[in-house]
N, C-alpha and C. Protein backbone atom coordinates (compact mmCIF):
# COMPACT_ATOMS: atom_id res chain seq x y z
N UNK A 1 2.46 0.07 -31.64
CA UNK A 1 2.40 1.51 -31.72
C UNK A 1 3.27 2.08 -30.60
N UNK A 2 4.08 3.06 -30.95
CA UNK A 2 4.89 3.73 -29.94
C UNK A 2 4.32 5.12 -29.65
N UNK A 3 4.99 5.86 -28.77
CA UNK A 3 4.48 7.15 -28.34
C UNK A 3 4.35 8.13 -29.51
N UNK A 4 5.33 8.16 -30.40
CA UNK A 4 5.29 9.08 -31.54
C UNK A 4 4.09 8.77 -32.45
N UNK A 5 3.81 7.50 -32.66
CA UNK A 5 2.67 7.12 -33.48
C UNK A 5 1.35 7.48 -32.79
N UNK A 6 1.31 7.34 -31.48
CA UNK A 6 0.12 7.73 -30.73
C UNK A 6 -0.11 9.24 -30.82
N UNK A 7 0.96 10.02 -30.74
CA UNK A 7 0.85 11.47 -30.89
C UNK A 7 0.30 11.81 -32.27
N UNK A 8 0.73 11.11 -33.30
CA UNK A 8 0.23 11.34 -34.66
C UNK A 8 -1.27 11.06 -34.75
N UNK A 9 -1.73 9.99 -34.10
CA UNK A 9 -3.15 9.65 -34.09
C UNK A 9 -3.96 10.76 -33.42
N UNK A 10 -3.49 11.23 -32.27
CA UNK A 10 -4.19 12.28 -31.54
C UNK A 10 -4.13 13.59 -32.31
N UNK A 11 -3.03 13.84 -33.01
CA UNK A 11 -2.89 15.07 -33.80
C UNK A 11 -3.92 15.11 -34.93
N UNK A 12 -4.33 13.96 -35.41
CA UNK A 12 -5.36 13.91 -36.45
C UNK A 12 -6.69 14.43 -35.95
N UNK A 13 -6.95 14.30 -34.67
CA UNK A 13 -8.19 14.77 -34.06
C UNK A 13 -8.06 16.24 -33.64
N UNK A 14 -6.89 16.60 -33.10
CA UNK A 14 -6.69 17.95 -32.56
C UNK A 14 -6.17 18.95 -33.59
N UNK A 15 -5.74 18.49 -34.75
CA UNK A 15 -5.20 19.35 -35.82
C UNK A 15 -3.94 20.08 -35.39
N UNK A 16 -3.25 19.63 -34.37
CA UNK A 16 -2.00 20.24 -33.93
C UNK A 16 -1.14 19.18 -33.26
N UNK A 17 0.04 18.97 -33.82
CA UNK A 17 0.94 17.96 -33.26
C UNK A 17 1.43 18.39 -31.88
N UNK A 18 1.65 19.69 -31.69
CA UNK A 18 2.13 20.20 -30.41
C UNK A 18 1.08 19.98 -29.32
N UNK A 19 -0.19 20.26 -29.63
CA UNK A 19 -1.27 20.05 -28.66
C UNK A 19 -1.46 18.56 -28.39
N UNK A 20 -1.31 17.74 -29.42
CA UNK A 20 -1.45 16.29 -29.26
C UNK A 20 -0.36 15.74 -28.35
N UNK A 21 0.86 16.20 -28.54
CA UNK A 21 1.97 15.74 -27.71
C UNK A 21 1.76 16.17 -26.26
N UNK A 22 1.27 17.39 -26.06
CA UNK A 22 0.99 17.87 -24.70
C UNK A 22 -0.12 17.04 -24.05
N UNK A 23 -1.13 16.68 -24.83
CA UNK A 23 -2.24 15.87 -24.30
C UNK A 23 -1.77 14.48 -23.90
N UNK A 24 -0.98 13.85 -24.74
CA UNK A 24 -0.47 12.51 -24.45
C UNK A 24 0.45 12.55 -23.24
N UNK A 25 1.36 13.53 -23.19
CA UNK A 25 2.26 13.66 -22.04
C UNK A 25 1.49 13.90 -20.75
N UNK A 26 0.47 14.75 -20.82
CA UNK A 26 -0.34 15.04 -19.65
C UNK A 26 -1.06 13.79 -19.14
N UNK A 27 -1.60 13.01 -20.05
CA UNK A 27 -2.28 11.77 -19.69
C UNK A 27 -1.32 10.80 -19.01
N UNK A 28 -0.15 10.61 -19.60
CA UNK A 28 0.83 9.68 -19.03
C UNK A 28 1.34 10.15 -17.68
N UNK A 29 1.56 11.47 -17.53
CA UNK A 29 2.00 12.00 -16.24
C UNK A 29 0.91 11.84 -15.18
N UNK A 30 -0.33 12.04 -15.57
CA UNK A 30 -1.44 11.86 -14.63
C UNK A 30 -1.56 10.44 -14.15
N UNK A 31 -1.44 9.48 -15.06
CA UNK A 31 -1.50 8.07 -14.69
C UNK A 31 -0.33 7.71 -13.79
N UNK A 32 0.87 8.16 -14.16
CA UNK A 32 2.07 7.87 -13.37
C UNK A 32 1.96 8.47 -11.98
N UNK A 33 1.51 9.72 -11.89
CA UNK A 33 1.38 10.38 -10.59
C UNK A 33 0.39 9.68 -9.68
N UNK A 34 -0.74 9.27 -10.23
CA UNK A 34 -1.74 8.57 -9.43
C UNK A 34 -1.22 7.22 -8.94
N UNK A 35 -0.50 6.50 -9.81
CA UNK A 35 0.05 5.20 -9.40
C UNK A 35 1.13 5.37 -8.34
N UNK A 36 1.93 6.44 -8.44
CA UNK A 36 2.95 6.71 -7.42
C UNK A 36 2.32 6.90 -6.05
N UNK A 37 1.13 7.52 -6.01
CA UNK A 37 0.43 7.75 -4.75
C UNK A 37 -0.28 6.49 -4.26
N UNK A 38 -0.35 5.47 -5.10
CA UNK A 38 -1.03 4.23 -4.73
C UNK A 38 -2.49 4.19 -5.14
N UNK A 39 -2.94 5.22 -5.88
CA UNK A 39 -4.32 5.25 -6.35
C UNK A 39 -4.49 4.36 -7.57
N UNK A 40 -5.73 4.02 -7.89
CA UNK A 40 -6.00 3.30 -9.13
C UNK A 40 -6.73 4.24 -10.08
N UNK A 41 -6.59 4.00 -11.37
CA UNK A 41 -7.22 4.81 -12.40
C UNK A 41 -8.16 3.90 -13.17
N UNK A 42 -9.44 4.24 -13.18
CA UNK A 42 -10.43 3.44 -13.87
C UNK A 42 -10.99 4.23 -15.05
N UNK A 43 -10.77 3.74 -16.24
CA UNK A 43 -11.30 4.34 -17.46
C UNK A 43 -12.39 3.40 -17.97
N UNK A 44 -13.63 3.78 -17.74
CA UNK A 44 -14.77 2.91 -18.04
C UNK A 44 -14.73 2.47 -19.50
N UNK A 45 -14.83 1.18 -19.72
CA UNK A 45 -14.81 0.61 -21.06
C UNK A 45 -13.41 0.29 -21.55
N UNK A 46 -12.40 0.98 -21.03
CA UNK A 46 -11.01 0.75 -21.46
C UNK A 46 -10.30 -0.19 -20.51
N UNK A 47 -10.26 0.19 -19.22
CA UNK A 47 -9.60 -0.67 -18.25
C UNK A 47 -9.21 0.07 -17.00
N UNK A 48 -8.49 -0.62 -16.13
CA UNK A 48 -8.09 -0.07 -14.85
C UNK A 48 -6.60 -0.27 -14.65
N UNK A 49 -5.92 0.82 -14.27
CA UNK A 49 -4.52 0.77 -13.88
C UNK A 49 -4.50 0.77 -12.36
N UNK A 50 -3.67 -0.10 -11.76
CA UNK A 50 -3.57 -0.13 -10.31
C UNK A 50 -2.18 -0.58 -9.90
N UNK A 51 -1.86 -0.31 -8.62
CA UNK A 51 -0.58 -0.73 -8.05
C UNK A 51 -0.83 -1.95 -7.19
N UNK A 52 0.01 -2.94 -7.36
CA UNK A 52 -0.13 -4.16 -6.57
C UNK A 52 1.22 -4.46 -5.90
N UNK A 53 1.17 -4.91 -4.67
CA UNK A 53 2.38 -5.25 -3.92
C UNK A 53 2.80 -6.67 -4.27
N UNK A 54 4.06 -6.83 -4.66
CA UNK A 54 4.60 -8.15 -4.95
C UNK A 54 5.44 -8.57 -3.76
N UNK A 55 5.15 -9.72 -3.18
CA UNK A 55 5.83 -10.19 -1.98
C UNK A 55 7.30 -10.52 -2.26
N UNK A 56 8.08 -10.47 -1.19
CA UNK A 56 9.47 -10.93 -1.28
C UNK A 56 9.46 -12.43 -1.53
N UNK A 57 10.44 -12.89 -2.26
CA UNK A 57 10.48 -14.31 -2.56
C UNK A 57 11.92 -14.76 -2.79
N UNK A 58 12.11 -16.05 -2.89
CA UNK A 58 13.43 -16.61 -3.15
C UNK A 58 13.50 -17.01 -4.61
N UNK A 59 14.60 -16.63 -5.25
CA UNK A 59 14.81 -16.99 -6.64
C UNK A 59 16.14 -17.69 -6.80
N UNK A 60 16.49 -17.99 -8.03
CA UNK A 60 17.77 -18.64 -8.31
C UNK A 60 18.52 -17.87 -9.38
N UNK A 61 19.81 -17.74 -9.18
CA UNK A 61 20.67 -17.16 -10.19
C UNK A 61 20.81 -18.21 -11.29
N UNK A 62 20.36 -17.92 -12.52
CA UNK A 62 20.39 -18.95 -13.56
C UNK A 62 21.80 -19.38 -13.96
N UNK A 63 22.76 -18.52 -13.75
CA UNK A 63 24.13 -18.85 -14.13
C UNK A 63 24.78 -19.80 -13.14
N UNK A 64 24.59 -19.53 -11.83
CA UNK A 64 25.26 -20.33 -10.81
C UNK A 64 24.35 -21.30 -10.07
N UNK A 65 23.04 -21.08 -10.16
CA UNK A 65 22.10 -21.92 -9.43
C UNK A 65 21.97 -21.52 -7.97
N UNK A 66 22.69 -20.47 -7.56
CA UNK A 66 22.66 -20.00 -6.18
C UNK A 66 21.32 -19.35 -5.86
N UNK A 67 20.81 -19.62 -4.64
CA UNK A 67 19.56 -19.00 -4.21
C UNK A 67 19.81 -17.53 -3.88
N UNK A 68 18.87 -16.67 -4.30
CA UNK A 68 18.96 -15.25 -3.99
C UNK A 68 17.62 -14.79 -3.46
N UNK A 69 17.65 -13.73 -2.66
CA UNK A 69 16.41 -13.16 -2.13
C UNK A 69 15.99 -12.01 -3.04
N UNK A 70 14.75 -12.04 -3.47
CA UNK A 70 14.18 -10.96 -4.28
C UNK A 70 13.29 -10.14 -3.35
N UNK A 71 13.58 -8.85 -3.26
CA UNK A 71 12.85 -7.98 -2.34
C UNK A 71 11.42 -7.73 -2.80
N UNK A 72 10.57 -7.39 -1.84
CA UNK A 72 9.18 -7.01 -2.15
C UNK A 72 9.20 -5.69 -2.90
N UNK A 73 8.22 -5.50 -3.78
CA UNK A 73 8.15 -4.25 -4.54
C UNK A 73 6.73 -4.01 -5.01
N UNK A 74 6.47 -2.78 -5.42
CA UNK A 74 5.20 -2.42 -6.02
C UNK A 74 5.32 -2.55 -7.53
N UNK A 75 4.28 -3.08 -8.16
CA UNK A 75 4.27 -3.21 -9.62
C UNK A 75 2.96 -2.62 -10.16
N UNK A 76 3.04 -2.04 -11.33
CA UNK A 76 1.85 -1.49 -11.99
C UNK A 76 1.15 -2.62 -12.74
N UNK A 77 -0.16 -2.67 -12.61
CA UNK A 77 -0.97 -3.69 -13.29
C UNK A 77 -2.04 -3.00 -14.12
N UNK A 78 -2.44 -3.64 -15.20
CA UNK A 78 -3.53 -3.14 -16.04
C UNK A 78 -4.51 -4.27 -16.25
N UNK A 79 -5.79 -3.99 -15.99
CA UNK A 79 -6.85 -4.96 -16.23
C UNK A 79 -7.76 -4.39 -17.31
N UNK A 80 -7.83 -5.00 -18.48
CA UNK A 80 -8.66 -4.45 -19.55
C UNK A 80 -10.14 -4.50 -19.20
N UNK A 81 -10.87 -3.49 -19.69
CA UNK A 81 -12.31 -3.43 -19.48
C UNK A 81 -13.06 -4.28 -20.48
N UNK A 82 -14.35 -4.40 -20.27
CA UNK A 82 -15.20 -5.25 -21.09
C UNK A 82 -15.20 -4.81 -22.57
N UNK A 83 -15.30 -3.50 -22.81
CA UNK A 83 -15.34 -2.99 -24.18
C UNK A 83 -14.02 -3.22 -24.90
N UNK A 84 -12.90 -3.07 -24.20
CA UNK A 84 -11.59 -3.31 -24.81
C UNK A 84 -11.43 -4.79 -25.15
N UNK A 85 -11.85 -5.66 -24.25
CA UNK A 85 -11.78 -7.10 -24.51
C UNK A 85 -12.61 -7.47 -25.74
N UNK A 86 -13.80 -6.88 -25.84
CA UNK A 86 -14.66 -7.17 -26.97
C UNK A 86 -14.07 -6.64 -28.27
N UNK A 87 -13.44 -5.49 -28.24
CA UNK A 87 -12.86 -4.89 -29.44
C UNK A 87 -11.68 -5.71 -29.96
N UNK A 88 -10.92 -6.29 -29.04
CA UNK A 88 -9.74 -7.07 -29.42
C UNK A 88 -10.12 -8.43 -29.98
N UNK A 89 -11.19 -9.02 -29.46
CA UNK A 89 -11.60 -10.36 -29.91
C UNK A 89 -12.50 -10.31 -31.07
């Protein structure tokens, strides 16, 4: 499912595609903004979005085999909740 299909699903509940698109955009902006600040977002039953620090490490260029340094960075992580795990299985 992509963003347009998600908007269609939400529009079925809200009876307005414009309101559905605004709701989806608002949700995504809220999650993005919280992760930028380093906060975590916990949606009970669905899951938790959080930022995790990935350490610097040494990698290899697959073309030349040369060692390269990969810088440390923040990555977004999602941990599914119990209800989501049960629904998928």
